[in-house]
């Protein structure tokens, strides 16, 4: 079971959020997207296809179907230290329905994700309303996920996790060139929040390494809050600047800040280019430690690097080519390529594959590359 961020565990919610914020009072366009995605970094390789179909039924209803696949091969730092390389496949299917009634849009979503040791079912509901001459859009969303955590090689292991997400959004046209959006999201997790494969280390003078491992222990609940402010400023010749700030905190003591800046430049009639920069700075959980002083040193124990203090820097580039009418039934199509280069630097997570005194091994860092290639057709 790979450790994934909440947004990756609940893509149905993410799609709901995007639809609520962007398509308020307008049905999504009828389209088909065929995507290939790839992640390579930190000893993990993830790739696979995705197919999205969106079709309107009359003037009030739009239905979207999505099939998404992750093929995972992992020899990450966690795996190398306490386990062996593994491969697995995750498949996800979702359906989303939007209903348009005058200036209101209601959205329903259902997502089912299955892998060898994790099953996730998510249902989502959202409502958005245009007001004040369509200059303001208010949206609210709710999603609930019922998940089952398993363990490969142990058929008797099955633990439940319930995740609830609440979201409020406000977008405002400030001037003819400036659009701002504000979102507030709260997520509550309850159940088995550990990773059944991960361990923590503690000092052990009786061990040849000077340390030993024991299973991690997490609290059974977690509440997180995030506030985001984003803006788009439209320039001459259809260019645009976009920027964003996101503040995150949770009941485990983690706090984080994310800054984003991007520039979009259309070229002639067929090309669109984009450049973006993302900076992320996170503090560690209260019960995290790279090395505990002794076994069972405290009630809760974690050595997941995603709960440690770290920074990441992402540089992204994108290009889109609009090739106009493709066939008689296709209004237009586009070919899109997006590349992201990410650098992760950990402040208190050490690389145990490198030599060093116990507790003073080199700090861990790695680079990752994310590639997305997709074809879009409008009909």
Protein backbone atom coordinates (compact mmCIF):
# COMPACT_ATOMS: atom_id res chain seq x y z
CA UNK A 1 0.00 0.00 0.00
CA UNK A 2 1.92 3.12 -1.15
CA UNK A 3 1.65 6.22 0.99
CA UNK A 4 -0.42 8.69 -0.97
CA UNK A 5 -1.57 12.18 -0.20
CA UNK A 6 -5.30 12.62 0.53
CA UNK A 7 -5.93 14.21 -2.85
CA UNK A 8 -4.50 11.14 -4.58
CA UNK A 9 -6.49 8.77 -2.43
CA UNK A 10 -9.72 10.65 -3.24
CA UNK A 11 -9.57 11.68 -6.92
CA UNK A 12 -13.37 11.76 -7.10
CA UNK A 13 -13.30 14.60 -4.59
CA UNK A 14 -10.59 16.35 -6.57
CA UNK A 15 -12.66 16.16 -9.75
CA UNK A 16 -15.68 17.47 -7.84
CA UNK A 17 -13.67 20.42 -6.61
CA UNK A 18 -12.40 21.24 -10.09
CA UNK A 19 -15.87 21.02 -11.61
CA UNK A 20 -17.42 23.13 -8.87
CA UNK A 21 -14.86 25.90 -9.15
CA UNK A 22 -14.44 26.06 -12.89
CA UNK A 23 -17.73 25.02 -14.44
CA UNK A 24 -20.23 26.79 -12.18
CA UNK A 25 -23.54 27.46 -13.97
CA UNK A 26 -22.15 25.96 -17.19
CA UNK A 27 -22.13 22.27 -18.04
CA UNK A 28 -18.71 20.76 -18.75
CA UNK A 29 -17.81 20.49 -22.41
CA UNK A 30 -18.45 17.21 -24.18
CA UNK A 31 -15.03 15.69 -24.62
CA UNK A 32 -12.81 12.62 -24.43
CA UNK A 33 -9.32 12.60 -22.89
CA UNK A 34 -6.78 9.82 -23.29
CA UNK A 35 -3.89 10.22 -20.83
CA UNK A 36 -0.56 8.53 -20.15
CA UNK A 37 1.08 9.49 -16.87
CA UNK A 38 4.50 8.61 -15.46
CA UNK A 39 6.32 9.25 -12.16
CA UNK A 40 9.98 8.34 -11.64
CA UNK A 41 11.79 9.30 -8.45
CA UNK A 42 13.06 8.10 -5.10
CA UNK A 43 13.21 4.48 -6.27
CA UNK A 44 9.54 4.42 -7.27
CA UNK A 45 8.18 4.16 -10.80
CA UNK A 46 4.47 4.68 -11.42
CA UNK A 47 2.80 4.85 -14.81
CA UNK A 48 -0.39 3.97 -16.59
CA UNK A 49 -3.23 5.15 -18.81
CA UNK A 50 -6.43 7.02 -18.07
CA UNK A 51 -9.55 7.54 -20.16
CA UNK A 52 -12.13 10.24 -19.46
CA UNK A 53 -15.42 10.58 -21.35
CA UNK A 54 -17.83 13.48 -20.78
CA UNK A 55 -21.25 13.59 -22.48
CA UNK A 56 -24.24 15.92 -22.05
CA UNK A 57 -27.80 14.66 -21.88
CA UNK A 58 -29.96 17.50 -23.00
CA UNK A 59 -29.25 21.00 -21.71
CA UNK A 60 -29.21 20.20 -17.99
CA UNK A 61 -27.27 16.98 -17.33
CA UNK A 62 -23.66 16.04 -17.96
CA UNK A 63 -22.17 12.60 -17.21
CA UNK A 64 -18.47 11.85 -16.92
CA UNK A 65 -16.79 8.43 -16.79
CA UNK A 66 -13.14 7.91 -15.91
CA UNK A 67 -10.91 4.83 -15.88
CA UNK A 68 -7.46 5.27 -14.32
CA UNK A 69 -4.58 2.80 -13.87
CA UNK A 70 -1.39 2.96 -11.79
CA UNK A 71 1.34 0.38 -12.39
CA UNK A 72 3.72 0.63 -9.44
CA UNK A 73 7.28 -0.64 -9.08
CA UNK A 74 8.82 0.47 -5.80
CA UNK A 75 12.32 0.22 -4.40
CA UNK A 76 11.99 3.39 -2.33
CA UNK A 77 14.16 4.18 0.68
CA UNK A 78 11.51 2.68 3.02
CA UNK A 79 11.39 -0.52 1.01
CA UNK A 80 15.17 -0.89 0.77
CA UNK A 81 15.62 -0.50 4.53
CA UNK A 82 12.98 -2.91 5.83
CA UNK A 83 11.52 -4.90 2.91
CA UNK A 84 12.10 -5.85 -0.72
CA UNK A 85 11.12 -4.31 -4.05
CA UNK A 86 7.50 -4.88 -5.01
CA UNK A 87 5.17 -4.32 -7.94
CA UNK A 88 1.43 -3.82 -7.92
CA UNK A 89 -1.43 -2.43 -9.96
CA UNK A 90 -4.17 -0.03 -8.91
CA UNK A 91 -7.33 0.45 -10.95
CA UNK A 92 -9.85 3.20 -10.38
CA UNK A 93 -13.24 3.81 -11.95
CA UNK A 94 -15.45 6.83 -11.34
CA UNK A 95 -18.67 8.42 -12.51
CA UNK A 96 -19.62 12.07 -12.06
CA UNK A 97 -22.97 13.68 -12.85
CA UNK A 98 -23.57 17.43 -13.07
CA UNK A 99 -27.07 18.93 -13.10
CA UNK A 100 -27.55 22.54 -14.21
CA UNK A 101 -30.55 24.53 -13.00
CA UNK A 102 -30.41 28.20 -14.03
CA UNK A 103 -27.43 29.61 -12.08
CA UNK A 104 -26.90 26.54 -9.89
CA UNK A 105 -24.87 23.41 -10.58
CA UNK A 106 -25.22 20.23 -8.51
CA UNK A 107 -22.58 17.51 -8.77
CA UNK A 108 -22.58 13.87 -7.67
CA UNK A 109 -19.58 11.57 -7.82
CA UNK A 110 -18.74 7.94 -7.11
CA UNK A 111 -15.23 6.47 -7.23
CA UNK A 112 -14.03 2.90 -6.65
CA UNK A 113 -10.31 2.15 -6.38
CA UNK A 114 -8.82 -1.34 -5.96
CA UNK A 115 -5.30 -2.60 -5.43
CA UNK A 116 -3.87 -5.72 -3.83
CA UNK A 117 -3.93 -4.36 -0.26
CA UNK A 118 -6.21 -1.33 -0.37
CA UNK A 119 -9.80 -0.70 -1.47
CA UNK A 120 -11.33 2.77 -1.51
CA UNK A 121 -14.91 3.83 -2.18
CA UNK A 122 -15.68 7.55 -2.29
CA UNK A 123 -19.00 9.36 -2.75
CA UNK A 124 -19.09 13.13 -3.24
CA UNK A 125 -21.69 15.89 -3.47
CA UNK A 126 -21.20 19.50 -4.51
CA UNK A 127 -23.31 22.58 -5.19
CA UNK A 128 -22.23 25.86 -6.78
CA UNK A 129 -24.23 29.07 -7.28
CA UNK A 130 -23.55 32.11 -9.47
CA UNK A 131 -24.69 35.45 -8.07
CA UNK A 132 -24.25 39.22 -8.35
CA UNK A 133 -24.47 39.26 -12.13
CA UNK A 134 -22.34 36.12 -12.47
CA UNK A 135 -19.34 37.94 -10.97
CA UNK A 136 -19.34 35.73 -7.87
CA UNK A 137 -19.52 31.95 -7.55
CA UNK A 138 -20.01 30.19 -4.20
CA UNK A 139 -19.46 26.43 -3.96
CA UNK A 140 -19.69 23.81 -1.23
CA UNK A 141 -18.66 20.18 -1.36
CA UNK A 142 -18.74 17.06 0.78
CA UNK A 143 -17.16 13.65 0.25
CA UNK A 144 -17.01 10.48 2.32
CA UNK A 145 -14.63 7.60 1.74
CA UNK A 146 -14.98 4.10 3.16
CA UNK A 147 -11.67 2.30 2.79
CA UNK A 148 -10.23 -1.09 3.74
CA UNK A 149 -6.51 -1.48 4.43
CA UNK A 150 -5.07 -4.94 3.81
CA UNK A 151 -1.66 -6.55 4.02
CA UNK A 152 -0.12 -8.68 1.30
CA UNK A 153 0.68 -12.14 2.61
CA UNK A 154 -1.79 -11.85 5.49
CA UNK A 155 -5.34 -12.52 4.35
CA UNK A 156 -6.68 -12.12 7.90
CA UNK A 157 -5.54 -8.48 8.08
CA UNK A 158 -8.30 -5.97 7.23
CA UNK A 159 -8.71 -2.57 8.85
CA UNK A 160 -11.28 0.15 8.12
CA UNK A 161 -10.66 3.83 7.46
CA UNK A 162 -13.36 6.48 7.08
CA UNK A 163 -12.50 9.82 5.53
CA UNK A 164 -14.82 12.81 5.36
CA UNK A 165 -14.04 16.01 3.50
CA UNK A 166 -15.84 19.37 3.68
CA UNK A 167 -15.08 22.24 1.30
CA UNK A 168 -16.27 25.82 0.78
CA UNK A 169 -15.15 27.93 -2.15
CA UNK A 170 -15.61 31.49 -3.35
CA UNK A 171 -14.46 32.83 -6.72
CA UNK A 172 -14.76 36.48 -7.64
CA UNK A 173 -14.18 38.49 -10.80
CA UNK A 174 -12.36 41.54 -9.43
CA UNK A 175 -11.71 43.39 -12.69
CA UNK A 176 -11.95 42.50 -16.36
CA UNK A 177 -8.40 41.07 -16.05
CA UNK A 178 -8.28 39.68 -12.50
CA UNK A 179 -10.09 36.63 -11.06
CA UNK A 180 -9.54 35.49 -7.46
CA UNK A 181 -10.58 32.24 -5.74
CA UNK A 182 -10.63 31.29 -2.06
CA UNK A 183 -11.15 27.77 -0.71
CA UNK A 184 -11.40 26.26 2.77
CA UNK A 185 -11.21 22.49 3.22
CA UNK A 186 -11.41 20.26 6.29
CA UNK A 187 -10.66 16.52 6.19
CA UNK A 188 -11.25 14.05 9.02
CA UNK A 189 -9.71 10.57 9.04
CA UNK A 190 -10.78 7.83 11.43
CA UNK A 191 -9.63 4.23 11.72
CA UNK A 192 -6.39 2.46 10.87
CA UNK A 193 -4.12 5.28 9.64
CA UNK A 194 -0.83 3.36 9.79
CA UNK A 195 0.99 1.72 6.93
CA UNK A 196 1.08 -2.00 7.86
CA UNK A 197 4.54 -2.42 6.29
CA UNK A 198 6.37 0.56 7.77
CA UNK A 199 8.56 0.47 10.88
CA UNK A 200 10.30 3.00 13.11
CA UNK A 201 13.85 2.61 14.41
CA UNK A 202 15.18 2.99 17.92
CA UNK A 203 18.62 2.86 19.54
CA UNK A 204 19.66 -0.66 20.47
CA UNK A 205 23.18 -1.25 21.80
CA UNK A 206 22.66 -5.00 21.41
CA UNK A 207 22.23 -4.71 17.63
CA UNK A 208 25.15 -4.77 15.23
CA UNK A 209 23.76 -1.66 13.52
CA UNK A 210 23.29 0.19 16.80
CA UNK A 211 19.53 0.30 16.18
CA UNK A 212 16.53 -1.99 15.70
CA UNK A 213 13.03 -1.65 14.22
CA UNK A 214 9.50 -1.94 15.56
CA UNK A 215 6.09 -1.35 13.89
CA UNK A 216 4.88 2.22 13.72
CA UNK A 217 1.86 3.28 15.80
CA UNK A 218 -0.42 6.15 14.75
CA UNK A 219 -3.40 7.82 16.41
CA UNK A 220 -6.80 6.57 15.25
CA UNK A 221 -8.03 10.00 14.20
CA UNK A 222 -6.70 12.96 12.23
CA UNK A 223 -8.21 16.31 11.30
CA UNK A 224 -6.59 18.61 8.76
CA UNK A 225 -7.48 22.11 7.57
CA UNK A 226 -6.30 23.90 4.46
CA UNK A 227 -6.89 27.44 3.21
CA UNK A 228 -5.97 28.39 -0.34
CA UNK A 229 -5.98 31.69 -2.24
CA UNK A 230 -5.42 31.73 -5.99
CA UNK A 231 -5.53 34.39 -8.65
CA UNK A 232 -5.38 34.67 -12.45
CA UNK A 233 -4.38 37.93 -14.12
CA UNK A 234 -4.97 38.13 -17.87
CA UNK A 235 -2.44 40.03 -19.97
CA UNK A 236 -2.38 41.25 -23.54
CA UNK A 237 -2.37 38.78 -26.43
CA UNK A 238 -4.21 36.15 -24.36
CA UNK A 239 -1.29 35.57 -21.96
CA UNK A 240 -1.93 35.14 -18.23
CA UNK A 241 -0.18 35.07 -14.87
CA UNK A 242 -1.43 32.81 -12.10
CA UNK A 243 -0.34 32.57 -8.48
CA UNK A 244 -1.44 30.70 -5.39
CA UNK A 245 -0.85 30.32 -1.66
CA UNK A 246 -1.98 27.35 0.45
CA UNK A 247 -1.72 27.02 4.23
CA UNK A 248 -2.15 23.59 5.87
CA UNK A 249 -2.28 22.35 9.46
CA UNK A 250 -3.51 19.21 11.17
CA UNK A 251 -4.13 17.65 14.59
CA UNK A 252 -0.87 15.68 14.34
CA UNK A 253 1.13 18.91 14.54
CA UNK A 254 2.01 19.16 10.85
CA UNK A 255 1.95 22.60 9.27
CA UNK A 256 2.86 23.48 5.71
CA UNK A 257 2.98 26.36 3.25
CA UNK A 258 2.78 26.02 -0.53
CA UNK A 259 3.53 28.82 -3.01
CA UNK A 260 2.77 28.64 -6.73
CA UNK A 261 3.53 30.94 -9.64
CA UNK A 262 2.88 30.34 -13.33
CA UNK A 263 2.76 31.98 -16.74
CA UNK A 264 0.67 30.97 -19.76
CA UNK A 265 1.59 32.16 -23.26
CA UNK A 266 -0.51 31.41 -26.37
CA UNK A 267 1.44 31.39 -29.63
CA UNK A 268 -0.35 32.13 -32.89
CA UNK A 269 -3.67 30.25 -33.02
CA UNK A 270 -2.65 26.68 -32.30
CA UNK A 271 -0.08 26.64 -29.50
CA UNK A 272 -0.23 27.32 -25.76
CA UNK A 273 2.91 27.20 -23.58
CA UNK A 274 3.06 27.24 -19.80
CA UNK A 275 5.78 27.53 -17.14
CA UNK A 276 5.22 27.10 -13.41
CA UNK A 277 7.10 27.08 -10.11
CA UNK A 278 5.90 25.46 -6.88
CA UNK A 279 7.58 25.69 -3.46
CA UNK A 280 6.44 23.56 -0.51
CA UNK A 281 7.69 23.75 3.10
CA UNK A 282 6.42 21.30 5.74
CA UNK A 283 7.02 20.72 9.43
CA UNK A 284 6.99 17.29 11.08
CA UNK A 285 4.31 15.48 13.07
CA UNK A 286 4.54 15.64 16.85
CA UNK A 287 5.16 11.88 17.15
CA UNK A 288 7.68 11.65 14.29
CA UNK A 289 11.34 10.84 14.85
CA UNK A 290 14.07 9.48 12.62
CA UNK A 291 15.57 7.66 15.64
CA UNK A 292 13.78 7.01 18.92
CA UNK A 293 15.90 6.67 22.08
CA UNK A 294 14.57 3.20 22.98
CA UNK A 295 11.81 0.73 22.14
CA UNK A 296 8.25 1.92 22.85
CA UNK A 297 9.63 5.37 23.64
CA UNK A 298 6.15 6.96 23.42
CA UNK A 299 2.52 6.11 22.73
CA UNK A 300 2.62 7.02 19.04
CA UNK A 301 5.59 6.35 16.77
CA UNK A 302 6.22 7.37 13.15
CA UNK A 303 9.17 7.36 10.79
CA UNK A 304 7.31 8.04 7.55
CA UNK A 305 9.31 10.64 5.62
CA UNK A 306 6.04 12.23 4.49
CA UNK A 307 5.40 13.12 8.16
CA UNK A 308 8.89 14.61 8.59
CA UNK A 309 10.14 18.14 7.97
CA UNK A 310 11.00 18.68 4.31
CA UNK A 311 10.94 21.10 1.42
CA UNK A 312 10.19 20.46 -2.23
CA UNK A 313 10.70 22.57 -5.34
CA UNK A 314 8.81 21.87 -8.56
CA UNK A 315 9.58 23.35 -11.96
CA UNK A 316 7.00 22.59 -14.61
CA UNK A 317 6.65 23.15 -18.34
CA UNK A 318 3.67 22.48 -20.58
CA UNK A 319 2.77 22.71 -24.25
CA UNK A 320 -0.56 22.24 -26.02
CA UNK A 321 -1.24 22.04 -29.75
CA UNK A 322 -4.77 22.52 -31.07
CA UNK A 323 -5.13 20.68 -34.37
CA UNK A 324 -8.67 21.77 -35.16
CA UNK A 325 -11.35 19.51 -36.60
CA UNK A 326 -10.12 15.92 -36.56
CA UNK A 327 -13.06 13.96 -38.02
CA UNK A 328 -16.59 14.80 -39.06
CA UNK A 329 -17.91 14.01 -35.57
CA UNK A 330 -15.08 15.84 -33.75
CA UNK A 331 -15.22 19.61 -33.37
CA UNK A 332 -11.55 19.94 -32.47
CA UNK A 333 -8.70 18.16 -30.74
CA UNK A 334 -5.50 18.96 -28.87
CA UNK A 335 -2.24 17.23 -28.03
CA UNK A 336 -0.80 18.11 -24.63
CA UNK A 337 2.53 17.49 -22.90
CA UNK A 338 3.35 18.43 -19.29
CA UNK A 339 6.68 17.86 -17.53
CA UNK A 340 7.50 18.47 -13.87
CA UNK A 341 10.87 18.20 -12.17
CA UNK A 342 10.68 17.92 -8.37
CA UNK A 343 13.44 18.16 -5.78
CA UNK A 344 12.77 16.80 -2.26
CA UNK A 345 15.08 17.72 0.65
CA UNK A 346 14.40 16.18 4.09
CA UNK A 347 15.49 17.99 7.25
CA UNK A 348 15.22 15.12 9.75
CA UNK A 349 14.92 11.89 7.76
CA UNK A 350 18.21 10.09 7.26
CA UNK A 351 19.37 7.78 4.47
CA UNK A 352 20.05 4.39 6.08
CA UNK A 353 21.47 3.02 2.84
CA UNK A 354 24.50 5.28 3.42
CA UNK A 355 27.12 4.75 6.11
CA UNK A 356 27.45 7.02 9.13
CA UNK A 357 27.25 7.09 12.91
CA UNK A 358 23.83 6.11 14.27
CA UNK A 359 21.62 9.17 14.12
CA UNK A 360 24.11 11.07 11.95
CA UNK A 361 23.71 9.32 8.62
CA UNK A 362 23.38 11.64 5.59
CA UNK A 363 20.03 13.40 5.29
CA UNK A 364 17.86 12.00 2.52
CA UNK A 365 17.02 13.84 -0.71
CA UNK A 366 15.96 12.82 -4.19
CA UNK A 367 14.76 14.10 -7.56
CA UNK A 368 11.59 13.03 -9.36
CA UNK A 369 10.17 13.51 -12.83
CA UNK A 370 6.46 13.57 -13.65
CA UNK A 371 5.29 13.25 -17.26
CA UNK A 372 1.76 13.59 -18.60
CA UNK A 373 0.85 13.17 -22.27
CA UNK A 374 -2.79 13.35 -23.29
CA UNK A 375 -5.06 13.75 -26.28
CA UNK A 376 -8.31 15.68 -25.95
CA UNK A 377 -11.25 15.65 -28.35
CA UNK A 378 -14.32 17.88 -28.21
CA UNK A 379 -17.52 16.76 -29.89
